[in-house]
Amino acid sequence: MTETFVITGTDTGVGKTVFAAALTNALGSYYWKPVQSGLDDETDSQTVCRLADAPSERIVAEAYKLSTPASPHLSSRIDGTSIDPRRLVPPNVDGPLVIEGAGGLLVPLSERTVFADVFAEWQIPVILCTRTTLGTINHTLLSIEAMRHRAIPILGVAFIGDENLETESIISTLGGVRSLGRLPLLRSLTATRLRRVFHDNFDLTAFAGARP
């Protein structure tokens, strides 16, 4: 397996799926969402396929597709099933791979397992997506501590939102992590626009050589 990345967020709705689409496009990578909760709207895999302008064969099927838009442990219970973490094994693909978690690091997969536990087993570099708005310093530093507590490798932080240099700087300093760049919020969200903005705000060499 070549370059492989896990994308997680400080919480739900931070923008990690859009970032995942941008990175998938930039690297020409495969994409895998291990657990999808909620099937009424466009799934994250479908969103990435559309915004990354990626061929469908580079979108790896989910290990679990759950109907209810809720925490995976609850969604699976409502669906009458349960999530076995042993089934969450990164696929072998012929090229780079972007893996996207659900919600934040401590989102429960079951009553005993959270996503961070699985990431610790994988030992794949993690990109933490976080907002630039008020409150993000606390959420981001707590997420970094949770990863360090489990010895999860951290590639860096991807900021999403309007520029906030002080917030970005203090997170990098106190968290001891590097800022990979900032993805501004886009009113017109298209594959072409996302590709251009990502290349304007991120240095692809920051993603070179990351391996499990």
N, C-alpha and C. Protein backbone atom coordinates (compact mmCIF):
# COMPACT_ATOMS: atom_id res chain seq x y z
N MET A 1 0.84 -1.19 0.00
CA MET A 1 0.00 0.00 0.00
C MET A 1 0.88 1.25 0.00
N THR A 2 0.55 2.23 -0.83
CA THR A 2 1.32 3.46 -0.88
C THR A 2 0.78 4.46 0.14
N GLU A 3 0.81 5.72 -0.18
CA GLU A 3 0.37 6.73 0.78
C GLU A 3 -1.06 6.46 1.25
N THR A 4 -1.22 6.43 2.56
CA THR A 4 -2.52 6.16 3.15
C THR A 4 -2.76 7.16 4.28
N PHE A 5 -3.98 7.69 4.33
CA PHE A 5 -4.32 8.69 5.33
C PHE A 5 -5.68 8.39 5.93
N VAL A 6 -5.81 8.69 7.21
CA VAL A 6 -7.11 8.67 7.88
C VAL A 6 -7.53 10.11 8.11
N ILE A 7 -8.75 10.42 7.76
CA ILE A 7 -9.28 11.76 8.01
C ILE A 7 -10.35 11.66 9.08
N THR A 8 -10.16 12.44 10.14
CA THR A 8 -11.15 12.52 11.20
C THR A 8 -11.42 13.99 11.48
N GLY A 9 -12.39 14.26 12.35
CA GLY A 9 -12.74 15.63 12.66
C GLY A 9 -12.90 15.84 14.15
N THR A 10 -12.98 17.09 14.54
CA THR A 10 -13.22 17.39 15.95
C THR A 10 -14.67 17.08 16.33
N ASP A 11 -15.56 17.08 15.33
CA ASP A 11 -16.95 16.73 15.57
C ASP A 11 -17.66 16.55 14.24
N THR A 12 -18.94 16.24 14.29
CA THR A 12 -19.72 16.04 13.09
C THR A 12 -19.98 17.36 12.37
N GLY A 13 -19.92 17.34 11.04
CA GLY A 13 -20.24 18.52 10.26
C GLY A 13 -19.12 19.53 10.15
N VAL A 14 -17.90 19.14 10.50
CA VAL A 14 -16.78 20.07 10.45
C VAL A 14 -16.32 20.33 9.02
N GLY A 15 -16.63 19.41 8.11
CA GLY A 15 -16.22 19.58 6.72
C GLY A 15 -15.21 18.56 6.24
N LYS A 16 -15.05 17.48 7.00
CA LYS A 16 -14.02 16.51 6.64
C LYS A 16 -14.33 15.76 5.35
N THR A 17 -15.61 15.60 5.00
CA THR A 17 -15.93 14.90 3.74
C THR A 17 -15.52 15.75 2.54
N VAL A 18 -15.74 17.05 2.64
CA VAL A 18 -15.30 17.94 1.56
C VAL A 18 -13.78 17.93 1.46
N PHE A 19 -13.10 17.97 2.61
CA PHE A 19 -11.64 17.88 2.59
C PHE A 19 -11.19 16.55 2.02
N ALA A 20 -11.87 15.47 2.40
CA ALA A 20 -11.53 14.14 1.88
C ALA A 20 -11.66 14.10 0.36
N ALA A 21 -12.70 14.75 -0.16
CA ALA A 21 -12.89 14.80 -1.61
C ALA A 21 -11.76 15.57 -2.28
N ALA A 22 -11.37 16.68 -1.68
CA ALA A 22 -10.29 17.48 -2.24
C ALA A 22 -8.97 16.71 -2.25
N LEU A 23 -8.68 16.01 -1.15
CA LEU A 23 -7.44 15.25 -1.07
C LEU A 23 -7.48 14.05 -2.02
N THR A 24 -8.62 13.40 -2.12
CA THR A 24 -8.78 12.27 -3.04
C THR A 24 -8.50 12.71 -4.47
N ASN A 25 -9.02 13.87 -4.83
CA ASN A 25 -8.78 14.39 -6.17
C ASN A 25 -7.31 14.74 -6.38
N ALA A 26 -6.73 15.43 -5.39
CA ALA A 26 -5.35 15.90 -5.53
C ALA A 26 -4.36 14.74 -5.66
N LEU A 27 -4.63 13.65 -4.95
CA LEU A 27 -3.71 12.50 -4.97
C LEU A 27 -4.09 11.47 -6.02
N GLY A 28 -5.27 11.61 -6.61
CA GLY A 28 -5.76 10.56 -7.51
C GLY A 28 -5.92 9.26 -6.76
N SER A 29 -6.41 9.37 -5.52
CA SER A 29 -6.42 8.22 -4.62
C SER A 29 -7.73 7.46 -4.64
N TYR A 30 -7.73 6.34 -3.96
CA TYR A 30 -8.94 5.61 -3.63
C TYR A 30 -9.53 6.24 -2.37
N TYR A 31 -10.81 5.99 -2.14
CA TYR A 31 -11.49 6.52 -0.96
C TYR A 31 -12.30 5.41 -0.30
N TRP A 32 -12.24 5.39 1.04
CA TRP A 32 -13.00 4.37 1.77
C TRP A 32 -13.62 4.98 3.01
N LYS A 33 -14.92 4.82 3.13
CA LYS A 33 -15.67 5.21 4.34
C LYS A 33 -16.07 3.91 5.03
N PRO A 34 -15.40 3.51 6.10
CA PRO A 34 -15.68 2.20 6.71
C PRO A 34 -17.12 2.05 7.18
N VAL A 35 -17.67 3.11 7.82
CA VAL A 35 -19.02 3.03 8.38
C VAL A 35 -19.81 4.25 7.94
N GLN A 36 -20.91 4.01 7.27
CA GLN A 36 -21.82 5.08 6.86
C GLN A 36 -23.11 4.97 7.64
N SER A 37 -23.45 6.04 8.37
CA SER A 37 -24.71 6.08 9.11
C SER A 37 -25.64 7.09 8.44
N GLY A 38 -26.79 6.62 7.98
CA GLY A 38 -27.74 7.49 7.30
C GLY A 38 -27.68 7.31 5.80
N LEU A 39 -28.79 6.88 5.21
CA LEU A 39 -28.82 6.58 3.78
C LEU A 39 -29.89 7.36 3.03
N ASP A 40 -30.61 8.24 3.72
CA ASP A 40 -31.68 8.99 3.06
C ASP A 40 -31.16 10.01 2.07
N ASP A 41 -30.06 10.66 2.42
CA ASP A 41 -29.46 11.66 1.54
C ASP A 41 -28.23 11.07 0.84
N GLU A 42 -27.51 11.92 0.14
CA GLU A 42 -26.28 11.49 -0.51
C GLU A 42 -25.31 10.98 0.54
N THR A 43 -24.74 9.79 0.34
CA THR A 43 -23.78 9.26 1.29
C THR A 43 -22.45 9.98 1.13
N ASP A 44 -21.57 9.83 2.11
CA ASP A 44 -20.25 10.46 2.01
C ASP A 44 -19.47 9.92 0.82
N SER A 45 -19.60 8.64 0.55
CA SER A 45 -18.91 8.05 -0.60
C SER A 45 -19.41 8.67 -1.91
N GLN A 46 -20.71 8.89 -2.01
CA GLN A 46 -21.27 9.53 -3.20
C GLN A 46 -20.83 10.98 -3.32
N THR A 47 -20.76 11.66 -2.18
CA THR A 47 -20.30 13.05 -2.18
C THR A 47 -18.86 13.14 -2.65
N VAL A 48 -18.01 12.27 -2.12
CA VAL A 48 -16.60 12.28 -2.52
C VAL A 48 -16.45 11.93 -3.99
N CYS A 49 -17.20 10.95 -4.45
CA CYS A 49 -17.14 10.57 -5.86
C CYS A 49 -17.47 11.78 -6.75
N ARG A 50 -18.48 12.55 -6.34
CA ARG A 50 -18.92 13.71 -7.13
C ARG A 50 -17.93 14.87 -7.03
N LEU A 51 -17.54 15.23 -5.80
CA LEU A 51 -16.69 16.40 -5.63
C LEU A 51 -15.22 16.14 -6.00
N ALA A 52 -14.80 14.88 -5.93
CA ALA A 52 -13.44 14.54 -6.34
C ALA A 52 -13.36 14.24 -7.83
N ASP A 53 -14.54 14.19 -8.47
CA ASP A 53 -14.60 13.82 -9.88
C ASP A 53 -13.85 12.50 -10.09
N ALA A 54 -14.13 11.56 -9.18
CA ALA A 54 -13.39 10.30 -9.15
C ALA A 54 -14.19 9.19 -9.83
N PRO A 55 -13.53 8.30 -10.55
CA PRO A 55 -14.24 7.15 -11.11
C PRO A 55 -14.78 6.26 -10.01
N SER A 56 -15.92 5.66 -10.24
CA SER A 56 -16.58 4.87 -9.20
C SER A 56 -15.72 3.71 -8.71
N GLU A 57 -14.86 3.19 -9.55
CA GLU A 57 -14.02 2.06 -9.13
C GLU A 57 -12.98 2.46 -8.09
N ARG A 58 -12.77 3.75 -7.88
CA ARG A 58 -11.85 4.19 -6.84
C ARG A 58 -12.56 4.51 -5.53
N ILE A 59 -13.86 4.28 -5.49
CA ILE A 59 -14.63 4.43 -4.25
C ILE A 59 -14.89 3.03 -3.70
N VAL A 60 -14.20 2.69 -2.62
CA VAL A 60 -14.30 1.36 -2.03
C VAL A 60 -15.59 1.25 -1.22
N ALA A 61 -16.28 0.13 -1.36
CA ALA A 61 -17.56 -0.06 -0.68
C ALA A 61 -17.39 -0.04 0.84
N GLU A 62 -18.36 0.53 1.51
CA GLU A 62 -18.35 0.59 2.97
C GLU A 62 -18.42 -0.80 3.59
N ALA A 63 -17.79 -0.95 4.75
CA ALA A 63 -17.92 -2.20 5.49
C ALA A 63 -19.32 -2.30 6.11
N TYR A 64 -19.85 -1.15 6.52
CA TYR A 64 -21.20 -1.10 7.11
C TYR A 64 -21.95 0.11 6.53
N LYS A 65 -23.16 -0.14 6.03
CA LYS A 65 -24.06 0.93 5.60
C LYS A 65 -25.31 0.84 6.47
N LEU A 66 -25.49 1.84 7.32
CA LEU A 66 -26.56 1.83 8.31
C LEU A 66 -27.60 2.89 7.96
N SER A 67 -28.86 2.55 8.18
CA SER A 67 -29.95 3.40 7.71
C SER A 67 -30.12 4.68 8.52
N THR A 68 -29.98 4.59 9.83
CA THR A 68 -30.31 5.73 10.70
C THR A 68 -29.15 6.71 10.82
N PRO A 69 -29.40 8.01 10.61
CA PRO A 69 -28.34 9.01 10.80
C PRO A 69 -28.09 9.27 12.28
N ALA A 70 -27.27 8.44 12.87
CA ALA A 70 -26.97 8.54 14.31
C ALA A 70 -25.58 7.97 14.54
N SER A 71 -25.13 8.03 15.79
CA SER A 71 -23.86 7.41 16.13
C SER A 71 -23.88 5.96 15.67
N PRO A 72 -22.76 5.44 15.12
CA PRO A 72 -22.78 4.07 14.59
C PRO A 72 -23.25 3.01 15.57
N HIS A 73 -22.94 3.16 16.85
CA HIS A 73 -23.36 2.14 17.81
C HIS A 73 -24.88 2.10 17.93
N LEU A 74 -25.52 3.28 17.86
CA LEU A 74 -26.97 3.35 17.94
C LEU A 74 -27.61 3.00 16.60
N SER A 75 -27.05 3.50 15.54
CA SER A 75 -27.59 3.21 14.22
C SER A 75 -27.58 1.72 13.92
N SER A 76 -26.51 1.04 14.29
CA SER A 76 -26.43 -0.40 14.06
C SER A 76 -27.44 -1.15 14.92
N ARG A 77 -27.65 -0.67 16.15
CA ARG A 77 -28.62 -1.32 17.02
C ARG A 77 -30.03 -1.19 16.44
N ILE A 78 -30.36 0.01 15.94
CA ILE A 78 -31.68 0.22 15.34
C ILE A 78 -31.85 -0.65 14.09
N ASP A 79 -30.76 -0.84 13.36
CA ASP A 79 -30.80 -1.68 12.16
C ASP A 79 -30.80 -3.17 12.47
N GLY A 80 -30.68 -3.51 13.76
CA GLY A 80 -30.69 -4.91 14.14
C GLY A 80 -29.40 -5.64 13.87
N THR A 81 -28.28 -4.91 13.93
CA THR A 81 -26.99 -5.53 13.71
C THR A 81 -25.99 -4.95 14.71
N SER A 82 -24.74 -5.28 14.58
CA SER A 82 -23.70 -4.71 15.42
C SER A 82 -22.43 -4.60 14.59
N ILE A 83 -21.57 -3.68 14.99
CA ILE A 83 -20.32 -3.45 14.26
C ILE A 83 -19.20 -4.26 14.89
N ASP A 84 -18.56 -5.06 14.09
CA ASP A 84 -17.42 -5.85 14.53
C ASP A 84 -16.16 -5.11 14.08
N PRO A 85 -15.39 -4.52 15.01
CA PRO A 85 -14.19 -3.77 14.62
C PRO A 85 -13.20 -4.59 13.81
N ARG A 86 -13.24 -5.91 13.96
CA ARG A 86 -12.30 -6.76 13.22
C ARG A 86 -12.58 -6.75 11.72
N ARG A 87 -13.79 -6.31 11.34
CA ARG A 87 -14.12 -6.19 9.92
C ARG A 87 -13.62 -4.88 9.31
N LEU A 88 -13.19 -3.98 10.16
CA LEU A 88 -12.73 -2.68 9.68
C LEU A 88 -11.23 -2.73 9.38
N VAL A 89 -10.93 -3.35 8.27
CA VAL A 89 -9.55 -3.53 7.84
C VAL A 89 -9.33 -2.72 6.56
N PRO A 90 -8.36 -1.80 6.56
CA PRO A 90 -8.12 -1.00 5.36
C PRO A 90 -7.91 -1.88 4.13
N PRO A 91 -8.57 -1.56 3.03
CA PRO A 91 -8.46 -2.40 1.84
C PRO A 91 -7.10 -2.26 1.16
N ASN A 92 -6.69 -3.31 0.51
CA ASN A 92 -5.48 -3.25 -0.32
C ASN A 92 -5.87 -2.68 -1.68
N VAL A 93 -5.30 -1.56 -2.02
CA VAL A 93 -5.61 -0.91 -3.28
C VAL A 93 -4.32 -0.58 -4.02
N ASP A 94 -4.46 -0.36 -5.30
CA ASP A 94 -3.31 -0.09 -6.16
C ASP A 94 -3.11 1.42 -6.30
N GLY A 95 -2.73 2.05 -5.19
CA GLY A 95 -2.53 3.49 -5.21
C GLY A 95 -2.77 4.09 -3.84
N PRO A 96 -2.70 5.41 -3.73
CA PRO A 96 -2.97 6.07 -2.44
C PRO A 96 -4.39 5.78 -1.98
N LEU A 97 -4.59 5.91 -0.67
CA LEU A 97 -5.90 5.62 -0.07
C LEU A 97 -6.24 6.68 0.97
N VAL A 98 -7.44 7.25 0.86
CA VAL A 98 -7.97 8.18 1.84
C VAL A 98 -9.11 7.49 2.57
N ILE A 99 -9.00 7.40 3.89
CA ILE A 99 -10.01 6.76 4.73
C ILE A 99 -10.67 7.85 5.58
N GLU A 100 -11.99 7.85 5.61
CA GLU A 100 -12.70 8.85 6.40
C GLU A 100 -13.51 8.21 7.51
N GLY A 101 -13.27 8.64 8.73
CA GLY A 101 -14.06 8.17 9.85
C GLY A 101 -15.42 8.85 9.89
N ALA A 102 -16.20 8.54 10.92
CA ALA A 102 -17.51 9.16 11.10
C ALA A 102 -17.48 10.03 12.35
N GLY A 103 -17.87 11.30 12.19
CA GLY A 103 -17.86 12.19 13.35
C GLY A 103 -16.45 12.41 13.86
N GLY A 104 -16.30 12.41 15.18
CA GLY A 104 -15.00 12.65 15.79
C GLY A 104 -14.34 11.37 16.27
N LEU A 105 -13.22 11.53 16.95
CA LEU A 105 -12.39 10.40 17.37
C LEU A 105 -13.08 9.48 18.36
N LEU A 106 -13.89 10.04 19.24
CA LEU A 106 -14.50 9.22 20.29
C LEU A 106 -15.94 8.85 19.98
N VAL A 107 -16.31 8.90 18.72
CA VAL A 107 -17.62 8.41 18.31
C VAL A 107 -17.64 6.89 18.50
N PRO A 108 -18.65 6.37 19.22
CA PRO A 108 -18.67 4.93 19.52
C PRO A 108 -19.14 4.07 18.36
N LEU A 109 -18.39 3.00 18.13
CA LEU A 109 -18.80 1.97 17.17
C LEU A 109 -19.63 0.91 17.87
N SER A 110 -19.38 0.75 19.15
CA SER A 110 -20.12 -0.18 19.99
C SER A 110 -20.05 0.35 21.41
N GLU A 111 -20.57 -0.43 22.36
CA GLU A 111 -20.50 0.00 23.75
C GLU A 111 -19.08 -0.06 24.31
N ARG A 112 -18.16 -0.66 23.57
CA ARG A 112 -16.80 -0.84 24.08
C ARG A 112 -15.72 -0.24 23.19
N THR A 113 -16.08 0.17 21.99
CA THR A 113 -15.07 0.61 21.03
C THR A 113 -15.44 1.94 20.41
N VAL A 114 -14.46 2.85 20.34
CA VAL A 114 -14.64 4.11 19.64
C VAL A 114 -13.71 4.11 18.43
N PHE A 115 -13.93 5.06 17.52
CA PHE A 115 -13.11 5.11 16.31
C PHE A 115 -11.62 5.22 16.63
N ALA A 116 -11.28 5.98 17.65
CA ALA A 116 -9.86 6.16 17.99
C ALA A 116 -9.19 4.83 18.32
N ASP A 117 -9.92 3.88 18.89
CA ASP A 117 -9.35 2.57 19.18
C ASP A 117 -8.96 1.85 17.89
N VAL A 118 -9.80 1.98 16.89
CA VAL A 118 -9.51 1.37 15.59
C VAL A 118 -8.33 2.06 14.93
N PHE A 119 -8.28 3.38 14.99
CA PHE A 119 -7.16 4.11 14.41
C PHE A 119 -5.84 3.73 15.08
N ALA A 120 -5.89 3.49 16.38
CA ALA A 120 -4.68 3.08 17.09
C ALA A 120 -4.18 1.73 16.59
N GLU A 121 -5.11 0.84 16.27
CA GLU A 121 -4.73 -0.47 15.73
C GLU A 121 -4.11 -0.31 14.34
N TRP A 122 -4.67 0.56 13.54
CA TRP A 122 -4.19 0.72 12.16
C TRP A 122 -2.80 1.34 12.09
N GLN A 123 -2.53 2.31 12.97
CA GLN A 123 -1.26 3.05 12.94
C GLN A 123 -1.02 3.73 11.59
N ILE A 124 -2.06 4.32 11.06
CA ILE A 124 -2.01 5.09 9.82
C ILE A 124 -2.04 6.57 10.19
N PRO A 125 -1.22 7.40 9.54
CA PRO A 125 -1.21 8.83 9.86
C PRO A 125 -2.59 9.47 9.73
N VAL A 126 -2.95 10.26 10.74
CA VAL A 126 -4.28 10.87 10.81
C VAL A 126 -4.20 12.37 10.51
N ILE A 127 -5.14 12.84 9.71
CA ILE A 127 -5.32 14.26 9.46
C ILE A 127 -6.56 14.69 10.25
N LEU A 128 -6.38 15.66 11.13
CA LEU A 128 -7.49 16.14 11.95
C LEU A 128 -8.08 17.39 11.32
N CYS A 129 -9.33 17.32 10.90
CA CYS A 129 -10.04 18.47 10.35
C CYS A 129 -10.73 19.23 11.47
N THR A 130 -10.54 20.54 11.49
CA THR A 130 -11.11 21.34 12.55
C THR A 130 -11.57 22.69 12.00
N ARG A 131 -12.55 23.27 12.67
CA ARG A 131 -13.03 24.59 12.28
C ARG A 131 -12.03 25.68 12.69
N THR A 132 -12.26 26.89 12.19
CA THR A 132 -11.47 28.03 12.64
C THR A 132 -12.28 28.94 13.54
N THR A 133 -13.52 28.56 13.85
CA THR A 133 -14.42 29.40 14.61
C THR A 133 -14.19 29.26 16.13
N LEU A 134 -14.88 30.10 16.90
CA LEU A 134 -14.76 30.11 18.35
C LEU A 134 -15.09 28.73 18.94
N GLY A 135 -14.25 28.28 19.86
CA GLY A 135 -14.44 26.98 20.49
C GLY A 135 -13.56 25.89 19.92
N THR A 136 -12.96 26.17 18.77
CA THR A 136 -12.20 25.12 18.10
C THR A 136 -10.88 24.80 18.80
N ILE A 137 -10.31 25.76 19.53
CA ILE A 137 -9.03 25.51 20.20
C ILE A 137 -9.20 24.37 21.20
N ASN A 138 -10.20 24.46 22.04
CA ASN A 138 -10.45 23.42 23.04
C ASN A 138 -10.73 22.07 22.38
N HIS A 139 -11.64 22.05 21.42
CA HIS A 139 -12.01 20.80 20.77
C HIS A 139 -10.82 20.16 20.06
N THR A 140 -10.02 20.98 19.42
CA THR A 140 -8.88 20.46 18.66
C THR A 140 -7.80 19.92 19.57
N LEU A 141 -7.47 20.67 20.62
CA LEU A 141 -6.42 20.21 21.54
C LEU A 141 -6.85 18.95 22.28
N LEU A 142 -8.13 18.85 22.63
CA LEU A 142 -8.63 17.62 23.26
C LEU A 142 -8.51 16.44 22.30
N SER A 143 -8.81 16.66 21.03
CA SER A 143 -8.70 15.59 20.04
C SER A 143 -7.25 15.15 19.87
N ILE A 144 -6.34 16.11 19.88
CA ILE A 144 -4.92 15.78 19.77
C ILE A 144 -4.47 14.97 20.98
N GLU A 145 -4.93 15.37 22.17
CA GLU A 145 -4.58 14.61 23.38
C GLU A 145 -5.12 13.19 23.31
N ALA A 146 -6.33 13.03 22.80
CA ALA A 146 -6.92 11.69 22.69
C ALA A 146 -6.09 10.81 21.76
N MET A 147 -5.57 11.39 20.69
CA MET A 147 -4.73 10.60 19.77
C MET A 147 -3.38 10.28 20.39
N ARG A 148 -2.79 11.25 21.06
CA ARG A 148 -1.48 11.00 21.68
C ARG A 148 -1.61 9.95 22.78
N HIS A 149 -2.72 9.96 23.52
CA HIS A 149 -2.96 9.00 24.59
C HIS A 149 -2.96 7.57 24.04
N ARG A 150 -3.41 7.42 22.79
CA ARG A 150 -3.48 6.10 22.15
C ARG A 150 -2.32 5.85 21.19
N ALA A 151 -1.34 6.75 21.16
CA ALA A 151 -0.18 6.61 20.28
C ALA A 151 -0.58 6.53 18.81
N ILE A 152 -1.58 7.33 18.43
CA ILE A 152 -2.00 7.40 17.03
C ILE A 152 -1.11 8.41 16.31
N PRO A 153 -0.51 8.03 15.20
CA PRO A 153 0.34 8.99 14.48
C PRO A 153 -0.50 10.13 13.89
N ILE A 154 -0.02 11.36 14.05
CA ILE A 154 -0.74 12.54 13.58
C ILE A 154 0.06 13.18 12.45
N LEU A 155 -0.54 13.25 11.28
CA LEU A 155 0.13 13.93 10.17
C LEU A 155 0.06 15.44 10.36
N GLY A 156 -1.09 15.93 10.78
CA GLY A 156 -1.25 17.36 10.99
C GLY A 156 -2.71 17.75 11.05
N VAL A 157 -2.94 19.05 11.12
CA VAL A 157 -4.29 19.60 11.23
C VAL A 157 -4.65 20.33 9.94
N ALA A 158 -5.86 20.09 9.44
CA ALA A 158 -6.40 20.82 8.31
C ALA A 158 -7.50 21.73 8.82
N PHE A 159 -7.32 23.02 8.70
CA PHE A 159 -8.31 23.98 9.16
C PHE A 159 -9.36 24.21 8.06
N ILE A 160 -10.59 24.42 8.49
CA ILE A 160 -11.68 24.62 7.55
C ILE A 160 -12.49 25.84 8.00
N GLY A 161 -12.58 26.83 7.13
CA GLY A 161 -13.33 28.04 7.47
C GLY A 161 -12.57 29.29 7.12
N ASP A 162 -13.03 30.42 7.65
CA ASP A 162 -12.39 31.70 7.40
C ASP A 162 -11.03 31.77 8.11
N GLU A 163 -10.14 32.56 7.57
CA GLU A 163 -8.81 32.69 8.15
C GLU A 163 -8.88 33.19 9.58
N ASN A 164 -8.12 32.53 10.46
CA ASN A 164 -8.00 32.95 11.86
C ASN A 164 -6.58 32.59 12.29
N LEU A 165 -5.65 33.48 11.99
CA LEU A 165 -4.23 33.17 12.16
C LEU A 165 -3.86 32.88 13.60
N GLU A 166 -4.45 33.59 14.55
CA GLU A 166 -4.12 33.37 15.95
C GLU A 166 -4.56 31.99 16.41
N THR A 167 -5.78 31.60 16.04
CA THR A 167 -6.28 30.27 16.40
C THR A 167 -5.44 29.18 15.77
N GLU A 168 -5.12 29.34 14.50
CA GLU A 168 -4.32 28.33 13.80
C GLU A 168 -2.94 28.21 14.43
N SER A 169 -2.36 29.34 14.81
CA SER A 169 -1.02 29.35 15.39
C SER A 169 -0.99 28.70 16.77
N ILE A 170 -1.95 29.05 17.63
CA ILE A 170 -1.92 28.52 19.00
C ILE A 170 -2.21 27.02 19.02
N ILE A 171 -3.04 26.55 18.10
CA ILE A 171 -3.29 25.11 18.03
C ILE A 171 -2.02 24.37 17.63
N SER A 172 -1.32 24.90 16.64
CA SER A 172 -0.08 24.26 16.21
C SER A 172 0.97 24.27 17.32
N THR A 173 1.04 25.40 18.04
CA THR A 173 2.05 25.55 19.10
C THR A 173 1.74 24.66 20.30
N LEU A 174 0.54 24.79 20.86
CA LEU A 174 0.20 24.03 22.05
C LEU A 174 0.00 22.55 21.74
N GLY A 175 -0.50 22.25 20.54
CA GLY A 175 -0.74 20.86 20.18
C GLY A 175 0.50 20.14 19.68
N GLY A 176 1.54 20.91 19.34
CA GLY A 176 2.76 20.30 18.82
C GLY A 176 2.52 19.59 17.49
N VAL A 177 1.65 20.18 16.68
CA VAL A 177 1.34 19.60 15.37
C VAL A 177 1.54 20.64 14.29
N ARG A 178 1.66 20.20 13.08
CA ARG A 178 1.81 21.15 11.99
C ARG A 178 0.47 21.44 11.33
N SER A 179 0.34 22.66 10.88
CA SER A 179 -0.83 23.04 10.10
C SER A 179 -0.58 22.64 8.65
N LEU A 180 -1.49 21.85 8.10
CA LEU A 180 -1.33 21.40 6.72
C LEU A 180 -1.87 22.43 5.74
N GLY A 181 -2.72 23.35 6.24
CA GLY A 181 -3.33 24.35 5.38
C GLY A 181 -4.74 24.64 5.85
N ARG A 182 -5.40 25.52 5.11
CA ARG A 182 -6.76 25.90 5.46
C ARG A 182 -7.64 25.86 4.22
N LEU A 183 -8.76 25.18 4.34
CA LEU A 183 -9.73 25.11 3.25
C LEU A 183 -10.86 26.09 3.55
N PRO A 184 -10.98 27.15 2.78
CA PRO A 184 -12.05 28.12 3.05
C PRO A 184 -13.42 27.54 2.72
N LEU A 185 -14.44 28.08 3.33
CA LEU A 185 -15.81 27.67 3.02
C LEU A 185 -16.18 28.17 1.64
N LEU A 186 -16.79 27.33 0.84
CA LEU A 186 -17.11 27.67 -0.54
C LEU A 186 -18.61 27.79 -0.74
N ARG A 187 -19.04 28.92 -1.21
CA ARG A 187 -20.47 29.09 -1.49
C ARG A 187 -20.88 28.25 -2.70
N SER A 188 -20.02 28.22 -3.69
CA SER A 188 -20.27 27.40 -4.87
C SER A 188 -19.36 26.18 -4.81
N LEU A 189 -19.91 25.06 -4.36
CA LEU A 189 -19.10 23.87 -4.11
C LEU A 189 -19.22 22.93 -5.31
N THR A 190 -18.23 22.99 -6.18
CA THR A 190 -18.15 22.12 -7.34
C THR A 190 -16.79 21.45 -7.34
N ALA A 191 -16.66 20.39 -8.11
CA ALA A 191 -15.39 19.67 -8.19
C ALA A 191 -14.28 20.59 -8.71
N THR A 192 -14.59 21.40 -9.70
CA THR A 192 -13.59 22.30 -10.28
C THR A 192 -13.15 23.35 -9.28
N ARG A 193 -14.11 23.95 -8.61
CA ARG A 193 -13.80 24.99 -7.62
C ARG A 193 -13.03 24.42 -6.44
N LEU A 194 -13.43 23.25 -5.96
CA LEU A 194 -12.76 22.63 -4.82
C LEU A 194 -11.33 22.28 -5.18
N ARG A 195 -11.12 21.76 -6.37
CA ARG A 195 -9.76 21.40 -6.79
C ARG A 195 -8.86 22.63 -6.81
N ARG A 196 -9.36 23.72 -7.35
CA ARG A 196 -8.55 24.94 -7.46
C ARG A 196 -8.21 25.49 -6.08
N VAL A 197 -9.20 25.55 -5.20
CA VAL A 197 -8.99 26.12 -3.87
C VAL A 197 -8.04 25.25 -3.05
N PHE A 198 -8.17 23.94 -3.17
CA PHE A 198 -7.27 23.04 -2.43
C PHE A 198 -5.83 23.27 -2.86
N HIS A 199 -5.60 23.32 -4.16
CA HIS A 199 -4.23 23.51 -4.65
C HIS A 199 -3.67 24.88 -4.28
N ASP A 200 -4.54 25.86 -4.09
CA ASP A 200 -4.08 27.20 -3.70
C ASP A 200 -3.71 27.28 -2.22
N ASN A 201 -4.22 26.36 -1.42
CA ASN A 201 -4.08 26.47 0.03
C ASN A 201 -3.33 25.34 0.71
N PHE A 202 -2.98 24.29 -0.04
CA PHE A 202 -2.26 23.15 0.54
C PHE A 202 -1.06 22.81 -0.31
N ASP A 203 0.02 22.40 0.35
CA ASP A 203 1.23 21.96 -0.32
C ASP A 203 1.21 20.43 -0.35
N LEU A 204 1.14 19.87 -1.54
CA LEU A 204 1.01 18.41 -1.65
C LEU A 204 2.21 17.65 -1.11
N THR A 205 3.37 18.32 -1.00
CA THR A 205 4.53 17.62 -0.44
C THR A 205 4.30 17.24 1.02
N ALA A 206 3.36 17.91 1.69
CA ALA A 206 3.04 17.58 3.08
C ALA A 206 2.40 16.20 3.19
N PHE A 207 1.87 15.70 2.08
CA PHE A 207 1.18 14.41 2.09
C PHE A 207 2.02 13.31 1.45
N ALA A 208 3.25 13.62 1.12
CA ALA A 208 4.12 12.64 0.45
C ALA A 208 4.75 11.70 1.47
N GLY A 209 4.76 10.44 1.14
CA GLY A 209 5.49 9.46 1.92
C GLY A 209 4.80 8.95 3.15
N ALA A 210 3.55 9.33 3.37
CA ALA A 210 2.83 8.81 4.55
C ALA A 210 2.37 7.39 4.28
N ARG A 211 2.76 6.49 5.13
CA ARG A 211 2.44 5.09 4.94
C ARG A 211 1.98 4.48 6.26
N PRO A 212 1.19 3.38 6.17
CA PRO A 212 0.77 2.72 7.40
C PRO A 212 1.94 2.00 8.05
